[in-house]
Structure formats: structure tokens, C-alpha cells
N, C-alpha and C. Protein backbone atom coordinates (compact mmCIF):
# COMPACT_ATOMS: atom_id res chain seq x y z
N UNK A 1 230.98 4.44 84.88
CA UNK A 1 230.85 5.07 86.12
C UNK A 1 232.43 5.39 86.38
N UNK A 2 232.74 6.45 86.71
CA UNK A 2 233.90 6.56 87.15
C UNK A 2 233.90 6.30 88.81
N UNK A 3 235.41 6.40 88.50
CA UNK A 3 235.72 5.03 90.13
C UNK A 3 235.49 6.63 90.95
N UNK A 4 235.80 7.93 91.04
CA UNK A 4 234.71 8.65 92.46
C UNK A 4 233.51 8.19 93.05
N UNK A 5 232.81 7.91 91.13
CA UNK A 5 231.60 7.79 91.35
C UNK A 5 231.34 6.91 91.91
N UNK A 6 232.19 5.81 91.95
CA UNK A 6 231.87 4.16 92.56
C UNK A 6 232.08 4.56 94.03
N UNK A 7 233.35 5.27 94.46
CA UNK A 7 233.55 5.17 95.66
C UNK A 7 232.27 5.69 96.55
N UNK A 8 232.30 7.03 95.88
CA UNK A 8 230.81 7.90 96.67
C UNK A 8 229.80 6.98 96.90
N UNK A 9 229.54 6.28 95.95
CA UNK A 9 228.10 5.38 96.10
C UNK A 9 228.65 4.31 97.36
N UNK A 10 229.74 3.69 97.33
CA UNK A 10 229.99 2.83 97.82
C UNK A 10 230.15 3.34 99.69
N UNK A 11 230.50 4.97 99.70
CA UNK A 11 230.75 5.57 100.89
C UNK A 11 228.86 5.45 101.40
N UNK A 12 228.30 6.05 100.48
CA UNK A 12 226.56 6.36 100.76
C UNK A 12 225.92 5.00 101.51
N UNK A 13 226.32 3.88 100.90
CA UNK A 13 225.50 2.81 101.08
C UNK A 13 226.12 2.32 102.65
N UNK A 14 227.66 2.15 102.73
CA UNK A 14 228.14 1.44 103.91
C UNK A 14 229.00 2.29 104.75
N UNK A 15 228.59 3.68 104.66
CA UNK A 15 229.40 4.66 105.27
C UNK A 15 230.74 5.05 104.92
N UNK A 16 231.65 6.05 105.41
CA UNK A 16 232.59 6.47 105.11
C UNK A 16 233.74 5.61 105.81
N UNK A 17 233.29 5.15 106.70
CA UNK A 17 234.52 4.45 107.99
C UNK A 17 234.44 3.02 107.00
N UNK A 18 233.20 2.34 106.59
CA UNK A 18 233.10 0.98 106.33
C UNK A 18 233.42 0.71 104.73
N UNK A 19 232.93 1.53 104.39
CA UNK A 19 233.16 1.40 102.72
C UNK A 19 234.20 0.21 102.16
N UNK A 20 235.29 0.95 102.48
CA UNK A 20 236.66 0.73 101.99
C UNK A 20 237.24 -0.87 102.72
N UNK A 21 236.79 -0.72 103.97
CA UNK A 21 237.11 -2.05 104.42
C UNK A 21 235.98 -3.44 103.97
N UNK A 22 235.17 -2.71 103.95
CA UNK A 22 233.85 -3.90 103.07
C UNK A 22 234.84 -4.45 101.51
N UNK A 23 234.83 -3.43 100.93
CA UNK A 23 235.31 -3.39 99.64
C UNK A 23 236.74 -4.38 99.49
N UNK A 24 237.39 -4.67 101.02
CA UNK A 24 238.66 -4.61 100.88
C UNK A 24 238.21 -6.54 101.50
N UNK A 25 237.13 -7.07 102.11
CA UNK A 25 236.92 -8.16 102.58
C UNK A 25 236.15 -9.16 102.14
N UNK A 26 234.98 -8.86 101.47
CA UNK A 26 234.08 -9.40 101.08
C UNK A 26 234.19 -9.62 99.18
N UNK A 27 234.45 -11.08 99.50
CA UNK A 27 234.41 -11.67 98.30
C UNK A 27 233.26 -12.17 97.44
N UNK A 28 233.20 -11.54 96.61
CA UNK A 28 231.95 -11.82 95.67
C UNK A 28 231.88 -12.71 94.80
N UNK A 29 230.91 -13.92 94.31
CA UNK A 29 231.10 -14.34 93.50
C UNK A 29 230.72 -14.14 92.29
N UNK A 30 230.17 -13.31 92.14
CA UNK A 30 230.03 -12.21 90.43
C UNK A 30 231.28 -11.62 90.00
N UNK A 31 232.27 -11.71 90.83
CA UNK A 31 233.55 -11.41 90.49
C UNK A 31 234.39 -12.44 90.71
N UNK A 32 233.79 -13.20 90.50
CA UNK A 32 234.75 -14.61 90.49
C UNK A 32 235.53 -15.17 91.71
N UNK A 33 235.11 -14.43 92.62
CA UNK A 33 235.48 -14.76 94.09
C UNK A 33 236.42 -13.71 94.81
N UNK A 34 236.48 -12.60 93.79
CA UNK A 34 237.53 -11.41 94.29
C UNK A 34 237.05 -10.69 94.99
N UNK A 35 237.45 -9.50 95.53
CA UNK A 35 236.84 -8.50 96.65
C UNK A 35 236.80 -7.47 95.18
N UNK A 36 236.39 -6.36 96.04
CA UNK A 36 235.69 -5.25 95.15
C UNK A 36 237.23 -4.51 94.66
N UNK A 37 238.16 -4.65 95.64
CA UNK A 37 239.37 -3.97 95.67
C UNK A 37 239.99 -4.76 94.61
N UNK A 38 239.92 -6.07 94.62
CA UNK A 38 241.37 -6.87 93.78
C UNK A 38 240.21 -6.89 92.39
N UNK A 39 239.23 -6.65 92.07
CA UNK A 39 238.25 -6.66 90.96
C UNK A 39 238.91 -5.08 90.46
N UNK A 40 239.06 -4.43 90.80
CA UNK A 40 239.15 -2.77 90.24
C UNK A 40 240.39 -3.17 90.00
N UNK A 41 241.52 -3.80 90.92
CA UNK A 41 242.88 -3.57 90.50
C UNK A 41 243.19 -4.25 89.29
N UNK A 42 242.23 -5.06 89.11
CA UNK A 42 242.24 -6.16 87.67
C UNK A 42 242.09 -5.42 86.48
N UNK A 43 241.04 -4.34 87.09
CA UNK A 43 240.39 -3.75 85.94
C UNK A 43 239.43 -3.83 85.06
N UNK A 44 238.83 -4.58 86.10
CA UNK A 44 237.06 -5.07 86.08
C UNK A 44 236.63 -3.30 85.50
N UNK A 45 235.41 -3.41 85.25
CA UNK A 45 234.65 -2.02 84.55
C UNK A 45 234.32 -1.71 86.14
N UNK A 46 234.00 -0.49 86.73
CA UNK A 46 233.35 -0.23 87.65
C UNK A 46 231.92 -0.32 87.68
N UNK A 47 231.19 -0.24 86.71
CA UNK A 47 229.93 -0.83 86.38
C UNK A 47 229.60 -2.19 86.85
N UNK A 48 230.26 -3.04 86.17
CA UNK A 48 230.28 -4.24 86.82
C UNK A 48 230.33 -4.92 87.86
N UNK A 49 231.64 -4.12 88.61
CA UNK A 49 231.41 -4.24 90.10
C UNK A 49 230.76 -3.92 90.76
N UNK A 50 229.99 -2.52 90.54
CA UNK A 50 228.92 -2.13 91.09
C UNK A 50 227.86 -3.06 91.16
N UNK A 51 227.53 -3.41 90.05
CA UNK A 51 226.68 -4.51 89.93
C UNK A 51 226.72 -5.72 91.02
N UNK A 52 227.73 -6.07 90.89
CA UNK A 52 228.15 -7.18 91.63
C UNK A 52 227.77 -6.77 93.18
N UNK A 53 228.33 -5.52 93.52
CA UNK A 53 227.83 -5.01 95.00
C UNK A 53 226.63 -4.94 95.11
N UNK A 54 225.46 -4.61 94.16
CA UNK A 54 224.38 -4.32 94.14
C UNK A 54 223.61 -6.02 94.35
N UNK A 55 224.19 -6.61 93.80
CA UNK A 55 223.65 -8.06 93.93
C UNK A 55 223.58 -8.85 94.85
N UNK A 56 224.81 -8.52 96.15
CA UNK A 56 225.39 -9.13 97.48
C UNK A 56 224.91 -7.98 98.67
N UNK A 57 224.59 -6.55 98.23
CA UNK A 57 224.54 -6.12 99.61
C UNK A 57 222.95 -5.50 99.26
N UNK A 58 222.26 -4.70 100.59
CA UNK A 58 221.47 -3.97 100.14
C UNK A 58 221.53 -2.59 100.05
N UNK A 59 221.26 -2.60 98.42
CA UNK A 59 221.95 -1.13 98.04
C UNK A 59 220.49 -0.69 97.49
N UNK A 60 220.22 0.80 98.29
CA UNK A 60 218.86 1.26 97.89
C UNK A 60 218.82 1.64 96.18
N UNK A 61 217.45 1.34 96.15
CA UNK A 61 217.07 1.64 94.50
C UNK A 61 217.70 2.87 93.94
N UNK A 62 217.93 3.76 94.65
CA UNK A 62 218.43 5.29 93.86
C UNK A 62 219.61 5.13 93.40
N UNK A 63 220.58 4.23 93.99
CA UNK A 63 221.70 3.87 93.97
C UNK A 63 222.25 3.20 92.97
N UNK A 64 221.55 2.28 92.58
CA UNK A 64 221.45 1.08 91.50
C UNK A 64 221.42 1.22 90.45
């Protein structure tokens, strides 16, 4: 998954204004306690980060 696709999905789930904030604030166990932004900055694959988001948040089935 390209990074632009990842952020498009995040914005679809959380809304444009909240997606970045959520990604910067939520620490996810599936990402070793890191936030989405921290995990992406550390080089974690976007698919793995997206799976962690899906496990933590109410992501619609068509976006999973």
C-alpha cells in the first residue's frame, strides 16, 4: 500500500481534520505502543500499520 493510499483511507475513516490527529495521538499495542506516525517514521510497512488501525478502530469492511 502506498503512503498516499494509507492517508486517503485514514481520512475516509476519521475525516480529514481528525485523521492526522488520531494518527499522532493513539498508541497502538500492535505497533509496540507506538503511534501511527511514529511507526511510519520508523519504517514500518504501511500495510502493517493499516492492519493495526483496523484492529483498534471501527474501520468499515470495504476499507479493510
